[in-house]
């Protein structure tokens, strides 16, 4: 195992979510909520 110094520790990147990742999670949540709402409270189309 390699021991990292302070400069190397500050330059580590990764583990974050990108904007597209957040958009994907939000879209999936909205879709699941819509499906659940449609099953539990069906509304007639006009």
N, C-alpha and C. Protein backbone atom coordinates (compact mmCIF):
# COMPACT_ATOMS: atom_id res chain seq x y z
N UNK A 1 0.85 -1.17 0.00
CA UNK A 1 0.00 0.00 0.00
C UNK A 1 0.89 1.23 0.00
N UNK A 2 0.52 2.23 -0.81
CA UNK A 2 1.31 3.45 -0.93
C UNK A 2 0.75 4.52 0.01
N UNK A 3 1.62 5.16 0.75
CA UNK A 3 1.24 6.26 1.63
C UNK A 3 1.30 7.55 0.82
N UNK A 4 0.21 8.32 0.82
CA UNK A 4 0.13 9.54 0.03
C UNK A 4 0.49 10.75 0.88
N UNK A 5 1.14 11.71 0.25
CA UNK A 5 1.43 12.96 0.96
C UNK A 5 0.26 13.92 0.78
N UNK A 6 0.35 15.11 1.38
CA UNK A 6 -0.77 16.06 1.34
C UNK A 6 -1.12 16.51 -0.06
N UNK A 7 -0.12 16.76 -0.89
CA UNK A 7 -0.38 17.22 -2.26
C UNK A 7 -1.12 16.15 -3.06
N UNK A 8 -0.73 14.91 -2.91
CA UNK A 8 -1.40 13.83 -3.62
C UNK A 8 -2.83 13.64 -3.11
N UNK A 9 -3.04 13.82 -1.81
CA UNK A 9 -4.39 13.67 -1.26
C UNK A 9 -5.32 14.76 -1.78
N UNK A 10 -4.80 15.98 -1.97
CA UNK A 10 -5.63 17.08 -2.46
C UNK A 10 -6.00 16.91 -3.92
N UNK A 11 -5.22 16.13 -4.68
CA UNK A 11 -5.47 15.97 -6.11
C UNK A 11 -6.32 14.76 -6.46
N UNK A 12 -6.80 14.03 -5.46
CA UNK A 12 -7.65 12.87 -5.73
C UNK A 12 -9.01 13.37 -6.21
N UNK A 13 -9.47 12.82 -7.33
CA UNK A 13 -10.78 13.19 -7.87
C UNK A 13 -11.65 11.95 -7.97
N UNK A 14 -12.95 12.16 -7.88
CA UNK A 14 -13.88 11.05 -8.04
C UNK A 14 -14.90 10.99 -6.91
N UNK A 15 -15.90 10.19 -7.12
CA UNK A 15 -16.93 9.99 -6.10
C UNK A 15 -18.06 10.97 -6.15
N UNK A 16 -17.98 11.98 -7.01
CA UNK A 16 -19.05 12.97 -7.09
C UNK A 16 -20.04 12.64 -8.17
N UNK A 17 -21.20 13.26 -8.10
CA UNK A 17 -22.22 13.08 -9.13
C UNK A 17 -22.15 14.25 -10.10
N UNK A 18 -22.27 13.95 -11.37
CA UNK A 18 -22.31 15.01 -12.37
C UNK A 18 -23.73 15.55 -12.46
N UNK A 19 -23.89 16.62 -13.22
CA UNK A 19 -25.22 17.20 -13.42
C UNK A 19 -26.14 16.19 -14.09
N UNK A 20 -25.62 15.43 -15.05
CA UNK A 20 -26.44 14.43 -15.74
C UNK A 20 -26.83 13.29 -14.80
N UNK A 21 -25.97 12.96 -13.87
CA UNK A 21 -26.30 11.92 -12.89
C UNK A 21 -27.46 12.35 -11.99
N UNK A 22 -27.41 13.59 -11.55
CA UNK A 22 -28.49 14.13 -10.71
C UNK A 22 -29.79 14.19 -11.50
N UNK A 23 -29.71 14.64 -12.77
CA UNK A 23 -30.91 14.70 -13.62
C UNK A 23 -31.51 13.31 -13.81
N UNK A 24 -30.67 12.31 -13.98
CA UNK A 24 -31.15 10.95 -14.15
C UNK A 24 -31.86 10.43 -12.91
N UNK A 25 -31.30 10.71 -11.76
CA UNK A 25 -31.92 10.27 -10.51
C UNK A 25 -33.26 10.96 -10.30
N UNK A 26 -33.32 12.26 -10.57
CA UNK A 26 -34.58 13.01 -10.42
C UNK A 26 -35.62 12.49 -11.41
N UNK A 27 -35.22 12.24 -12.66
CA UNK A 27 -36.15 11.74 -13.67
C UNK A 27 -36.71 10.38 -13.27
N UNK A 28 -35.85 9.50 -12.76
CA UNK A 28 -36.30 8.18 -12.33
C UNK A 28 -37.28 8.29 -11.16
N UNK A 29 -37.01 9.19 -10.23
CA UNK A 29 -37.91 9.37 -9.08
C UNK A 29 -39.26 9.90 -9.54
N UNK A 30 -39.28 10.86 -10.46
CA UNK A 30 -40.54 11.40 -10.97
C UNK A 30 -41.33 10.32 -11.70
N UNK A 31 -40.64 9.49 -12.49
CA UNK A 31 -41.31 8.41 -13.21
C UNK A 31 -41.94 7.41 -12.24
N UNK A 32 -41.20 7.00 -11.23
CA UNK A 32 -41.72 6.03 -10.26
C UNK A 32 -42.90 6.61 -9.49
N UNK A 33 -42.82 7.88 -9.11
CA UNK A 33 -43.94 8.53 -8.42
C UNK A 33 -45.16 8.58 -9.32
N UNK A 34 -44.96 8.88 -10.62
CA UNK A 34 -46.08 8.91 -11.56
C UNK A 34 -46.73 7.56 -11.75
N UNK A 35 -45.93 6.51 -11.84
CA UNK A 35 -46.49 5.16 -11.98
C UNK A 35 -47.27 4.79 -10.73
N UNK A 36 -46.71 5.06 -9.57
CA UNK A 36 -47.41 4.75 -8.31
C UNK A 36 -48.71 5.54 -8.20
N UNK A 37 -48.69 6.81 -8.59
CA UNK A 37 -49.90 7.64 -8.54
C UNK A 37 -50.94 7.12 -9.52
N UNK A 38 -50.53 6.68 -10.70
CA UNK A 38 -51.47 6.16 -11.68
C UNK A 38 -52.12 4.86 -11.24
N UNK A 39 -51.37 4.05 -10.52
CA UNK A 39 -51.93 2.78 -10.04
C UNK A 39 -52.89 3.01 -8.88
N UNK A 40 -52.52 3.89 -7.96
CA UNK A 40 -53.33 4.07 -6.76
C UNK A 40 -54.51 5.03 -6.96
N UNK A 41 -54.42 5.92 -7.96
CA UNK A 41 -55.48 6.91 -8.15
C UNK A 41 -55.73 7.10 -9.64
N UNK A 42 -56.33 6.08 -10.29
CA UNK A 42 -56.56 6.20 -11.73
C UNK A 42 -57.60 7.29 -12.04
N UNK A 43 -57.27 8.14 -12.99
CA UNK A 43 -58.17 9.23 -13.39
C UNK A 43 -58.53 9.02 -14.86
N UNK A 44 -59.81 9.18 -15.16
CA UNK A 44 -60.31 9.00 -16.52
C UNK A 44 -59.77 10.11 -17.42
N UNK A 45 -59.33 9.74 -18.62
CA UNK A 45 -58.84 10.73 -19.59
C UNK A 45 -60.03 11.48 -20.19
N UNK A 46 -59.90 12.77 -20.34
CA UNK A 46 -60.98 13.58 -20.94
C UNK A 46 -60.73 13.81 -22.41
